[in-house]
PDB file of all heavy atoms in Angstrom:
ATOM      1  N   VAL A   1     -13.440 -16.912  -2.086  1.00  0.00           N
ATOM      2  CA  VAL A   1     -13.310 -16.214  -3.367  1.00  0.00           C
ATOM      3  C   VAL A   1     -14.747 -15.810  -3.740  1.00  0.00           C
ATOM      4  O   VAL A   1     -15.680 -16.558  -3.660  1.00  0.00           O
ATOM      5  CB  VAL A   1     -12.814 -17.192  -4.472  1.00  0.00           C
ATOM      6  CG1 VAL A   1     -12.909 -16.528  -5.802  1.00  0.00           C
ATOM      7  CG2 VAL A   1     -11.426 -17.563  -4.105  1.00  0.00           C
ATOM      8  N   PHE A   2     -14.914 -14.548  -4.098  1.00  0.00           N
ATOM      9  CA  PHE A   2     -16.258 -13.950  -4.410  1.00  0.00           C
ATOM     10  C   PHE A   2     -16.056 -13.316  -5.798  1.00  0.00           C
ATOM     11  O   PHE A   2     -15.422 -12.348  -6.056  1.00  0.00           O
ATOM     12  CB  PHE A   2     -16.564 -12.744  -3.408  1.00  0.00           C
ATOM     13  CG  PHE A   2     -18.013 -12.346  -3.488  1.00  0.00           C
ATOM     14  CD1 PHE A   2     -18.764 -12.447  -2.328  1.00  0.00           C
ATOM     15  CD2 PHE A   2     -18.394 -11.680  -4.460  1.00  0.00           C
ATOM     16  CE1 PHE A   2     -20.062 -12.073  -2.223  1.00  0.00           C
ATOM     17  CE2 PHE A   2     -19.819 -11.228  -4.467  1.00  0.00           C
ATOM     18  CZ  PHE A   2     -20.664 -11.379  -3.484  1.00  0.00           C
ATOM     19  N   VAL A   3     -16.799 -13.953  -6.785  1.00  0.00           N
ATOM     20  CA  VAL A   3     -16.647 -13.450  -8.211  1.00  0.00           C
ATOM     21  C   VAL A   3     -17.457 -12.045  -8.271  1.00  0.00           C
ATOM     22  O   VAL A   3     -18.623 -11.997  -7.807  1.00  0.00           O
ATOM     23  CB  VAL A   3     -17.412 -14.495  -9.136  1.00  0.00           C
ATOM     24  CG1 VAL A   3     -17.116 -14.022 -10.530  1.00  0.00           C
ATOM     25  CG2 VAL A   3     -16.657 -15.751  -8.930  1.00  0.00           C
ATOM     26  N   ILE A   4     -16.801 -11.071  -8.846  1.00  0.00           N
ATOM     27  CA  ILE A   4     -17.405  -9.734  -8.879  1.00  0.00           C
ATOM     28  C   ILE A   4     -17.565  -9.201 -10.288  1.00  0.00           C
ATOM     29  O   ILE A   4     -18.031  -8.090 -10.550  1.00  0.00           O
ATOM     30  CB  ILE A   4     -16.620  -8.651  -8.042  1.00  0.00           C
ATOM     31  CG1 ILE A   4     -15.168  -8.656  -8.474  1.00  0.00           C
ATOM     32  CG2 ILE A   4     -16.629  -8.997  -6.562  1.00  0.00           C
ATOM     33  CD1 ILE A   4     -14.343  -7.420  -7.914  1.00  0.00           C
ATOM     34  N   GLY A   5     -17.089  -9.987 -11.327  1.00  0.00           N
ATOM     35  CA  GLY A   5     -17.351  -9.577 -12.718  1.00  0.00           C
ATOM     36  C   GLY A   5     -16.988 -10.527 -13.693  1.00  0.00           C
ATOM     37  O   GLY A   5     -16.222 -11.503 -13.512  1.00  0.00           O
ATOM     38  N   ASN A   6     -17.510 -10.316 -14.929  1.00  0.00           N
ATOM     39  CA  ASN A   6     -17.161 -11.269 -16.049  1.00  0.00           C
ATOM     40  C   ASN A   6     -15.734 -10.808 -16.632  1.00  0.00           C
ATOM     41  O   ASN A   6     -15.543  -9.557 -16.704  1.00  0.00           O
ATOM     42  CB  ASN A   6     -18.252 -11.191 -17.147  1.00  0.00           C
ATOM     43  CG  ASN A   6     -19.355 -12.000 -16.890  1.00  0.00           C
ATOM     44  OD1 ASN A   6     -19.272 -13.043 -16.262  1.00  0.00           O
ATOM     45  ND2 ASN A   6     -20.636 -11.612 -17.193  1.00  0.00           N
ATOM     46  N   SER A   7     -14.922 -11.790 -17.140  1.00  0.00           N
ATOM     47  CA  SER A   7     -13.608 -11.572 -17.625  1.00  0.00           C
ATOM     48  C   SER A   7     -12.903 -10.557 -16.598  1.00  0.00           C
ATOM     49  O   SER A   7     -12.843 -10.937 -15.417  1.00  0.00           O
ATOM     50  CB  SER A   7     -13.600 -11.067 -19.104  1.00  0.00           C
ATOM     51  OG  SER A   7     -14.196  -9.868 -19.171  1.00  0.00           O
ATOM     52  N   ASN A   8     -12.352  -9.524 -17.115  1.00  0.00           N
ATOM     53  CA  ASN A   8     -11.670  -8.604 -16.234  1.00  0.00           C
ATOM     54  C   ASN A   8     -12.479  -7.427 -15.874  1.00  0.00           C
ATOM     55  O   ASN A   8     -11.773  -6.381 -15.494  1.00  0.00           O
ATOM     56  CB  ASN A   8     -10.211  -8.304 -16.821  1.00  0.00           C
ATOM     57  CG  ASN A   8     -10.307  -7.584 -18.143  1.00  0.00           C
ATOM     58  OD1 ASN A   8     -11.465  -7.406 -18.618  1.00  0.00           O
ATOM     59  ND2 ASN A   8      -9.245  -7.128 -18.563  1.00  0.00           N
ATOM     60  N   LYS A   9     -13.707  -7.396 -16.106  1.00  0.00           N
ATOM     61  CA  LYS A   9     -14.519  -6.102 -15.716  1.00  0.00           C
ATOM     62  C   LYS A   9     -15.421  -6.280 -14.547  1.00  0.00           C
ATOM     63  O   LYS A   9     -16.372  -6.999 -14.590  1.00  0.00           O
ATOM     64  CB  LYS A   9     -15.409  -5.720 -16.999  1.00  0.00           C
ATOM     65  CG  LYS A   9     -14.672  -5.298 -18.227  1.00  0.00           C
ATOM     66  CD  LYS A   9     -15.515  -4.746 -19.233  1.00  0.00           C
ATOM     67  CE  LYS A   9     -14.716  -4.092 -20.331  1.00  0.00           C
ATOM     68  NZ  LYS A   9     -13.927  -5.100 -21.040  1.00  0.00           N
ATOM     69  N   PRO A  10     -15.066  -5.693 -13.476  1.00  0.00           N
ATOM     70  CA  PRO A  10     -15.889  -5.847 -12.211  1.00  0.00           C
ATOM     71  C   PRO A  10     -17.201  -5.080 -12.396  1.00  0.00           C
ATOM     72  O   PRO A  10     -17.252  -4.083 -12.998  1.00  0.00           O
ATOM     73  CB  PRO A  10     -15.009  -5.157 -11.059  1.00  0.00           C
ATOM     74  CG  PRO A  10     -13.671  -4.933 -11.601  1.00  0.00           C
ATOM     75  CD  PRO A  10     -13.840  -4.879 -13.164  1.00  0.00           C
ATOM     76  N   TRP A  11     -18.218  -5.681 -11.782  1.00  0.00           N
ATOM     77  CA  TRP A  11     -19.559  -5.061 -11.868  1.00  0.00           C
ATOM     78  C   TRP A  11     -19.736  -4.043 -10.822  1.00  0.00           C
ATOM     79  O   TRP A  11     -20.686  -3.206 -10.828  1.00  0.00           O
ATOM     80  CB  TRP A  11     -20.618  -6.101 -11.781  1.00  0.00           C
ATOM     81  CG  TRP A  11     -20.763  -6.963 -12.989  1.00  0.00           C
ATOM     82  CD1 TRP A  11     -19.924  -6.960 -14.059  1.00  0.00           C
ATOM     83  CD2 TRP A  11     -21.708  -7.969 -13.276  1.00  0.00           C
ATOM     84  NE1 TRP A  11     -20.338  -7.832 -15.012  1.00  0.00           N
ATOM     85  CE2 TRP A  11     -21.526  -8.515 -14.585  1.00  0.00           C
ATOM     86  CE3 TRP A  11     -22.875  -8.450 -12.545  1.00  0.00           C
ATOM     87  CZ2 TRP A  11     -22.256  -9.502 -15.148  1.00  0.00           C
ATOM     88  CZ3 TRP A  11     -23.626  -9.434 -13.124  1.00  0.00           C
ATOM     89  CH2 TRP A  11     -23.364  -9.967 -14.472  1.00  0.00           C
ATOM     90  N   VAL A  12     -18.989  -3.977  -9.778  1.00  0.00           N
ATOM     91  CA  VAL A  12     -18.993  -2.959  -8.758  1.00  0.00           C
ATOM     92  C   VAL A  12     -17.692  -2.207  -8.751  1.00  0.00           C
ATOM     93  O   VAL A  12     -16.657  -2.831  -9.097  1.00  0.00           O
ATOM     94  CB  VAL A  12     -19.214  -3.659  -7.380  1.00  0.00           C
ATOM     95  CG1 VAL A  12     -20.468  -4.248  -7.258  1.00  0.00           C
ATOM     96  CG2 VAL A  12     -18.084  -4.686  -7.034  1.00  0.00           C
ATOM     97  N   SER A  13     -17.772  -0.890  -8.474  1.00  0.00           N
ATOM     98  CA  SER A  13     -16.504  -0.156  -8.484  1.00  0.00           C
ATOM     99  C   SER A  13     -15.633  -0.439  -7.276  1.00  0.00           C
ATOM    100  O   SER A  13     -16.190  -0.974  -6.213  1.00  0.00           O
ATOM    101  CB  SER A  13     -16.918   1.368  -8.259  1.00  0.00           C
ATOM    102  OG  SER A  13     -17.604   1.705  -7.246  1.00  0.00           O
ATOM    103  N   LEU A  14     -14.320  -0.430  -7.499  1.00  0.00           N
ATOM    104  CA  LEU A  14     -13.436  -0.953  -6.411  1.00  0.00           C
ATOM    105  C   LEU A  14     -12.849   0.296  -5.633  1.00  0.00           C
ATOM    106  O   LEU A  14     -12.727   1.525  -6.277  1.00  0.00           O
ATOM    107  CB  LEU A  14     -12.327  -1.656  -7.035  1.00  0.00           C
ATOM    108  CG  LEU A  14     -12.684  -3.035  -7.817  1.00  0.00           C
ATOM    109  CD1 LEU A  14     -11.546  -3.699  -8.509  1.00  0.00           C
ATOM    110  CD2 LEU A  14     -13.291  -3.934  -6.763  1.00  0.00           C
ATOM    111  N   PRO A  15     -12.401   0.200  -4.343  1.00  0.00           N
ATOM    112  CA  PRO A  15     -11.708   1.262  -3.705  1.00  0.00           C
ATOM    113  C   PRO A  15     -10.350   1.643  -4.365  1.00  0.00           C
ATOM    114  O   PRO A  15      -9.925   1.053  -5.326  1.00  0.00           O
ATOM    115  CB  PRO A  15     -11.483   0.697  -2.323  1.00  0.00           C
ATOM    116  CG  PRO A  15     -11.706  -0.737  -2.372  1.00  0.00           C
ATOM    117  CD  PRO A  15     -12.471  -1.013  -3.596  1.00  0.00           C
ATOM    118  N   LYS A  16      -9.735   2.669  -3.897  1.00  0.00           N
ATOM    119  CA  LYS A  16      -8.724   3.363  -4.610  1.00  0.00           C
ATOM    120  C   LYS A  16      -7.574   2.596  -4.953  1.00  0.00           C
ATOM    121  O   LYS A  16      -6.918   2.719  -6.044  1.00  0.00           O
ATOM    122  CB  LYS A  16      -8.322   4.685  -3.825  1.00  0.00           C
ATOM    123  CG  LYS A  16      -7.595   4.356  -2.508  1.00  0.00           C
ATOM    124  CD  LYS A  16      -6.977   5.569  -2.020  1.00  0.00           C
ATOM    125  CE  LYS A  16      -6.051   5.436  -0.710  1.00  0.00           C
ATOM    126  NZ  LYS A  16      -6.824   5.035   0.491  1.00  0.00           N
ATOM    127  N   ASP A  17      -7.245   1.542  -4.094  1.00  0.00           N
ATOM    128  CA  ASP A  17      -6.061   0.678  -4.576  1.00  0.00           C
ATOM    129  C   ASP A  17      -6.436  -0.442  -5.492  1.00  0.00           C
ATOM    130  O   ASP A  17      -5.516  -1.204  -5.946  1.00  0.00           O
ATOM    131  CB  ASP A  17      -5.363   0.047  -3.310  1.00  0.00           C
ATOM    132  CG  ASP A  17      -6.358  -0.375  -2.296  1.00  0.00           C
ATOM    133  OD1 ASP A  17      -7.521  -0.827  -2.700  1.00  0.00           O
ATOM    134  OD2 ASP A  17      -6.196  -0.375  -1.111  1.00  0.00           O
ATOM    135  N   LYS A  18      -7.690  -0.495  -5.919  1.00  0.00           N
ATOM    136  CA  LYS A  18      -8.167  -1.444  -7.008  1.00  0.00           C
ATOM    137  C   LYS A  18      -7.780  -2.903  -6.649  1.00  0.00           C
ATOM    138  O   LYS A  18      -7.652  -3.710  -7.544  1.00  0.00           O
ATOM    139  CB  LYS A  18      -7.510  -1.069  -8.303  1.00  0.00           C
ATOM    140  CG  LYS A  18      -7.969   0.264  -8.878  1.00  0.00           C
ATOM    141  CD  LYS A  18      -9.343   0.352  -9.355  1.00  0.00           C
ATOM    142  CE  LYS A  18      -9.822   1.641  -9.754  1.00  0.00           C
ATOM    143  NZ  LYS A  18     -10.799   2.300  -9.022  1.00  0.00           N
ATOM    144  N   GLY A  19      -7.632  -3.258  -5.325  1.00  0.00           N
ATOM    145  CA  GLY A  19      -7.392  -4.570  -4.937  1.00  0.00           C
ATOM    146  C   GLY A  19      -6.018  -5.178  -5.225  1.00  0.00           C
ATOM    147  O   GLY A  19      -5.762  -6.360  -5.272  1.00  0.00           O
ATOM    148  N   VAL A  20      -5.077  -4.231  -5.556  1.00  0.00           N
ATOM    149  CA  VAL A  20      -3.643  -4.616  -5.818  1.00  0.00           C
ATOM    150  C   VAL A  20      -2.875  -4.364  -4.507  1.00  0.00           C
ATOM    151  O   VAL A  20      -2.756  -3.323  -4.099  1.00  0.00           O
ATOM    152  CB  VAL A  20      -3.100  -3.808  -6.969  1.00  0.00           C
ATOM    153  CG1 VAL A  20      -1.628  -4.294  -7.256  1.00  0.00           C
ATOM    154  CG2 VAL A  20      -3.918  -4.170  -8.273  1.00  0.00           C
ATOM    155  N   LYS A  21      -2.269  -5.517  -3.968  1.00  0.00           N
ATOM    156  CA  LYS A  21      -1.589  -5.429  -2.708  1.00  0.00           C
ATOM    157  C   LYS A  21      -0.098  -5.034  -3.093  1.00  0.00           C
ATOM    158  O   LYS A  21       0.513  -5.636  -3.885  1.00  0.00           O
ATOM    159  CB  LYS A  21      -1.625  -6.757  -2.069  1.00  0.00           C
ATOM    160  CG  LYS A  21      -1.088  -6.542  -0.575  1.00  0.00           C
ATOM    161  CD  LYS A  21      -1.490  -7.817   0.193  1.00  0.00           C
ATOM    162  CE  LYS A  21      -1.180  -7.598   1.730  1.00  0.00           C
ATOM    163  NZ  LYS A  21      -1.682  -8.735   2.494  1.00  0.00           N
ATOM    164  N   LEU A  22       0.412  -4.033  -2.436  1.00  0.00           N
ATOM    165  CA  LEU A  22       1.846  -3.679  -2.696  1.00  0.00           C
ATOM    166  C   LEU A  22       2.700  -4.350  -1.520  1.00  0.00           C
ATOM    167  O   LEU A  22       2.254  -4.694  -0.456  1.00  0.00           O
ATOM    168  CB  LEU A  22       2.000  -2.125  -2.485  1.00  0.00           C
ATOM    169  CG  LEU A  22       1.282  -1.274  -3.352  1.00  0.00           C
ATOM    170  CD1 LEU A  22       1.370   0.170  -3.061  1.00  0.00           C
ATOM    171  CD2 LEU A  22       1.579  -1.484  -4.823  1.00  0.00           C
ATOM    172  N   THR A  23       4.037  -4.599  -1.900  1.00  0.00           N
ATOM    173  CA  THR A  23       4.914  -5.130  -0.911  1.00  0.00           C
ATOM    174  C   THR A  23       5.332  -4.174   0.001  1.00  0.00           C
ATOM    175  O   THR A  23       4.976  -2.871  -0.167  1.00  0.00           O
ATOM    176  CB  THR A  23       6.147  -5.703  -1.676  1.00  0.00           C
ATOM    177  OG1 THR A  23       6.771  -4.560  -2.354  1.00  0.00           O
ATOM    178  CG2 THR A  23       5.906  -6.810  -2.647  1.00  0.00           C
ATOM    179  N   ILE A  24       5.879  -4.413   1.043  1.00  0.00           N
ATOM    180  CA  ILE A  24       6.300  -3.438   2.153  1.00  0.00           C
ATOM    181  C   ILE A  24       7.272  -2.446   1.617  1.00  0.00           C
ATOM    182  O   ILE A  24       7.019  -1.209   1.768  1.00  0.00           O
ATOM    183  CB  ILE A  24       6.923  -4.125   3.361  1.00  0.00           C
ATOM    184  CG1 ILE A  24       6.068  -5.140   3.930  1.00  0.00           C
ATOM    185  CG2 ILE A  24       7.380  -3.013   4.369  1.00  0.00           C
ATOM    186  CD1 ILE A  24       6.666  -6.020   4.994  1.00  0.00           C
ATOM    187  N   ALA A  25       8.125  -2.891   0.620  1.00  0.00           N
ATOM    188  CA  ALA A  25       9.169  -1.935   0.046  1.00  0.00           C
ATOM    189  C   ALA A  25       8.381  -0.884  -0.885  1.00  0.00           C
ATOM    190  O   ALA A  25       8.683   0.239  -0.900  1.00  0.00           O
ATOM    191  CB  ALA A  25      10.213  -2.669  -0.678  1.00  0.00           C
ATOM    192  N   GLU A  26       7.329  -1.444  -1.654  1.00  0.00           N
ATOM    193  CA  GLU A  26       6.639  -0.611  -2.577  1.00  0.00           C
ATOM    194  C   GLU A  26       5.832   0.426  -1.819  1.00  0.00           C
ATOM    195  O   GLU A  26       5.759   1.552  -2.173  1.00  0.00           O
ATOM    196  CB  GLU A  26       5.799  -1.445  -3.447  1.00  0.00           C
ATOM    197  CG  GLU A  26       6.507  -2.170  -4.610  1.00  0.00           C
ATOM    198  CD  GLU A  26       5.531  -3.172  -5.277  1.00  0.00           C
ATOM    199  OE1 GLU A  26       4.549  -3.570  -4.747  1.00  0.00           O
ATOM    200  OE2 GLU A  26       5.920  -3.496  -6.423  1.00  0.00           O
ATOM    201  N   GLU A  27       5.215  -0.060  -0.676  1.00  0.00           N
ATOM    202  CA  GLU A  27       4.496   0.829   0.117  1.00  0.00           C
ATOM    203  C   GLU A  27       5.420   1.967   0.765  1.00  0.00           C
ATOM    204  O   GLU A  27       5.075   3.190   0.777  1.00  0.00           O
ATOM    205  CB  GLU A  27       3.864   0.115   1.406  1.00  0.00           C
ATOM    206  CG  GLU A  27       2.603  -0.585   1.104  1.00  0.00           C
ATOM    207  CD  GLU A  27       1.939  -1.210   2.212  1.00  0.00           C
ATOM    208  OE1 GLU A  27       2.446  -1.014   3.413  1.00  0.00           O
ATOM    209  OE2 GLU A  27       0.918  -1.946   2.042  1.00  0.00           O
ATOM    210  N   ARG A  28       6.630   1.615   1.181  1.00  0.00           N
ATOM    211  CA  ARG A  28       7.584   2.622   1.632  1.00  0.00           C
ATOM    212  C   ARG A  28       7.898   3.599   0.642  1.00  0.00           C
ATOM    213  O   ARG A  28       7.937   4.820   0.884  1.00  0.00           O
ATOM    214  CB  ARG A  28       8.839   1.875   2.159  1.00  0.00           C
ATOM    215  CG  ARG A  28       9.892   2.729   2.635  1.00  0.00           C
ATOM    216  CD  ARG A  28      11.234   2.042   2.698  1.00  0.00           C
ATOM    217  NE  ARG A  28      11.566   1.683   1.289  1.00  0.00           N
ATOM    218  CZ  ARG A  28      12.461   0.744   0.863  1.00  0.00           C
ATOM    219  NH1 ARG A  28      13.137   0.025   1.847  1.00  0.00           N
ATOM    220  NH2 ARG A  28      12.807   0.495  -0.330  1.00  0.00           N
ATOM    221  N   ASP A  29       8.247   3.178  -0.695  1.00  0.00           N
ATOM    222  CA  ASP A  29       8.627   4.043  -1.708  1.00  0.00           C
ATOM    223  C   ASP A  29       7.442   5.027  -2.004  1.00  0.00           C
ATOM    224  O   ASP A  29       7.696   6.189  -2.194  1.00  0.00           O
ATOM    225  CB  ASP A  29       8.917   3.291  -2.928  1.00  0.00           C
ATOM    226  CG  ASP A  29      10.265   2.451  -2.785  1.00  0.00           C
ATOM    227  OD1 ASP A  29      10.937   2.691  -1.755  1.00  0.00           O
ATOM    228  OD2 ASP A  29      10.442   1.508  -3.465  1.00  0.00           O
ATOM    229  N   ALA A  30       6.230   4.489  -2.015  1.00  0.00           N
ATOM    230  CA  ALA A  30       4.980   5.369  -2.348  1.00  0.00           C
ATOM    231  C   ALA A  30       4.911   6.385  -1.260  1.00  0.00           C
ATOM    232  O   ALA A  30       4.589   7.587  -1.541  1.00  0.00           O
ATOM    233  CB  ALA A  30       3.748   4.512  -2.394  1.00  0.00           C
ATOM    234  N   ARG A  31       5.166   6.038  -0.004  1.00  0.00           N
ATOM    235  CA  ARG A  31       5.090   6.893   1.196  1.00  0.00           C
ATOM    236  C   ARG A  31       6.160   8.133   0.977  1.00  0.00           C
ATOM    237  O   ARG A  31       5.848   9.261   1.078  1.00  0.00           O
ATOM    238  CB  ARG A  31       5.218   6.217   2.453  1.00  0.00           C
ATOM    239  CG  ARG A  31       4.025   5.773   3.122  1.00  0.00           C
ATOM    240  CD  ARG A  31       4.106   5.626   4.671  1.00  0.00           C
ATOM    241  NE  ARG A  31       5.222   4.777   4.942  1.00  0.00           N
ATOM    242  CZ  ARG A  31       5.262   3.391   5.042  1.00  0.00           C
ATOM    243  NH1 ARG A  31       4.121   2.805   4.675  1.00  0.00           N
ATOM    244  NH2 ARG A  31       6.283   2.765   5.277  1.00  0.00           N
ATOM    245  N   ARG A  32       7.349   7.750   0.565  1.00  0.00           N
ATOM    246  CA  ARG A  32       8.414   8.615   0.475  1.00  0.00           C
ATOM    247  C   ARG A  32       8.112   9.572  -0.793  1.00  0.00           C
ATOM    248  O   ARG A  32       8.464  10.904  -0.675  1.00  0.00           O
ATOM    249  CB  ARG A  32       9.676   7.871   0.156  1.00  0.00           C
ATOM    250  CG  ARG A  32      10.271   7.310   1.476  1.00  0.00           C
ATOM    251  CD  ARG A  32      11.661   6.569   1.221  1.00  0.00           C
ATOM    252  NE  ARG A  32      12.048   6.004   2.420  1.00  0.00           N
ATOM    253  CZ  ARG A  32      13.095   5.185   2.517  1.00  0.00           C
ATOM    254  NH1 ARG A  32      13.607   4.722   1.417  1.00  0.00           N
ATOM    255  NH2 ARG A  32      13.572   4.689   3.598  1.00  0.00           N
ATOM    256  N   GLU A  33       7.539   9.095  -1.876  1.00  0.00           N
ATOM    257  CA  GLU A  33       7.266   9.948  -2.925  1.00  0.00           C
ATOM    258  C   GLU A  33       6.215  10.987  -2.555  1.00  0.00           C
ATOM    259  O   GLU A  33       6.371  12.190  -2.852  1.00  0.00           O
ATOM    260  CB  GLU A  33       6.680   9.113  -4.113  1.00  0.00           C
ATOM    261  CG  GLU A  33       7.797   8.542  -5.016  1.00  0.00           C
ATOM    262  CD  GLU A  33       7.139   7.680  -6.094  1.00  0.00           C
ATOM    263  OE1 GLU A  33       5.983   7.944  -6.559  1.00  0.00           O
ATOM    264  OE2 GLU A  33       7.867   6.677  -6.461  1.00  0.00           O
ATOM    265  N   LYS A  34       5.236  10.524  -1.769  1.00  0.00           N
ATOM    266  CA  LYS A  34       4.172  11.371  -1.359  1.00  0.00           C
ATOM    267  C   LYS A  34       4.693  12.537  -0.522  1.00  0.00           C
ATOM    268  O   LYS A  34       4.348  13.679  -0.572  1.00  0.00           O
ATOM    269  CB  LYS A  34       3.144  10.562  -0.564  1.00  0.00           C
ATOM    270  CG  LYS A  34       1.695  11.206  -0.692  1.00  0.00           C
ATOM    271  CD  LYS A  34       0.623  10.102  -0.049  1.00  0.00           C
ATOM    272  CE  LYS A  34      -0.699  10.741   0.080  1.00  0.00           C
ATOM    273  NZ  LYS A  34      -1.573   9.843   0.717  1.00  0.00           N
ATOM    274  N   ALA A  35       5.592  12.013   0.480  1.00  0.00           N
ATOM    275  CA  ALA A  35       6.146  13.075   1.410  1.00  0.00           C
ATOM    276  C   ALA A  35       7.032  14.017   0.621  1.00  0.00           C
ATOM    277  O   ALA A  35       6.923  15.273   0.890  1.00  0.00           O
ATOM    278  CB  ALA A  35       7.005  12.342   2.406  1.00  0.00           C
ATOM    279  N   ALA A  36       7.767  13.593  -0.452  1.00  0.00           N
ATOM    280  CA  ALA A  36       8.603  14.554  -1.232  1.00  0.00           C
ATOM    281  C   ALA A  36       7.713  15.538  -1.932  1.00  0.00           C
ATOM    282  O   ALA A  36       8.113  16.667  -2.059  1.00  0.00           O
ATOM    283  CB  ALA A  36       9.418  13.719  -2.172  1.00  0.00           C
ATOM    284  N   GLU A  37       6.647  14.980  -2.585  1.00  0.00           N
ATOM    285  CA  GLU A  37       5.697  15.849  -3.278  1.00  0.00           C
ATOM    286  C   GLU A  37       5.062  16.899  -2.350  1.00  0.00           C
ATOM    287  O   GLU A  37       4.955  18.109  -2.705  1.00  0.00           O
ATOM    288  CB  GLU A  37       4.520  15.017  -3.978  1.00  0.00           C
ATOM    289  CG  GLU A  37       4.961  14.330  -5.167  1.00  0.00           C
ATOM    290  CD  GLU A  37       3.875  13.418  -5.606  1.00  0.00           C
ATOM    291  OE1 GLU A  37       2.781  13.487  -5.177  1.00  0.00           O
ATOM    292  OE2 GLU A  37       4.110  12.568  -6.489  1.00  0.00           O
ATOM    293  N   ALA A  38       4.775  16.501  -1.113  1.00  0.00           N
ATOM    294  CA  ALA A  38       4.085  17.474  -0.269  1.00  0.00           C
ATOM    295  C   ALA A  38       5.112  18.497   0.268  1.00  0.00           C
ATOM    296  O   ALA A  38       4.735  19.716   0.346  1.00  0.00           O
ATOM    297  CB  ALA A  38       3.608  16.657   1.081  1.00  0.00           C
TER     298      ALA A  38
END
C-alpha cells in the first residue's frame, strides 16, 4: 500500500481509469458501447 494523498485527494494525477477496476462483465459492456459508437 502506497499512500498518494490526504483524505480523497491524490497528490499525483492518475491514469485514465483512475484506479477503479472493472469486472469482466463491465469491461465487456464498455467495449461493446465503444464499438457501437464507432
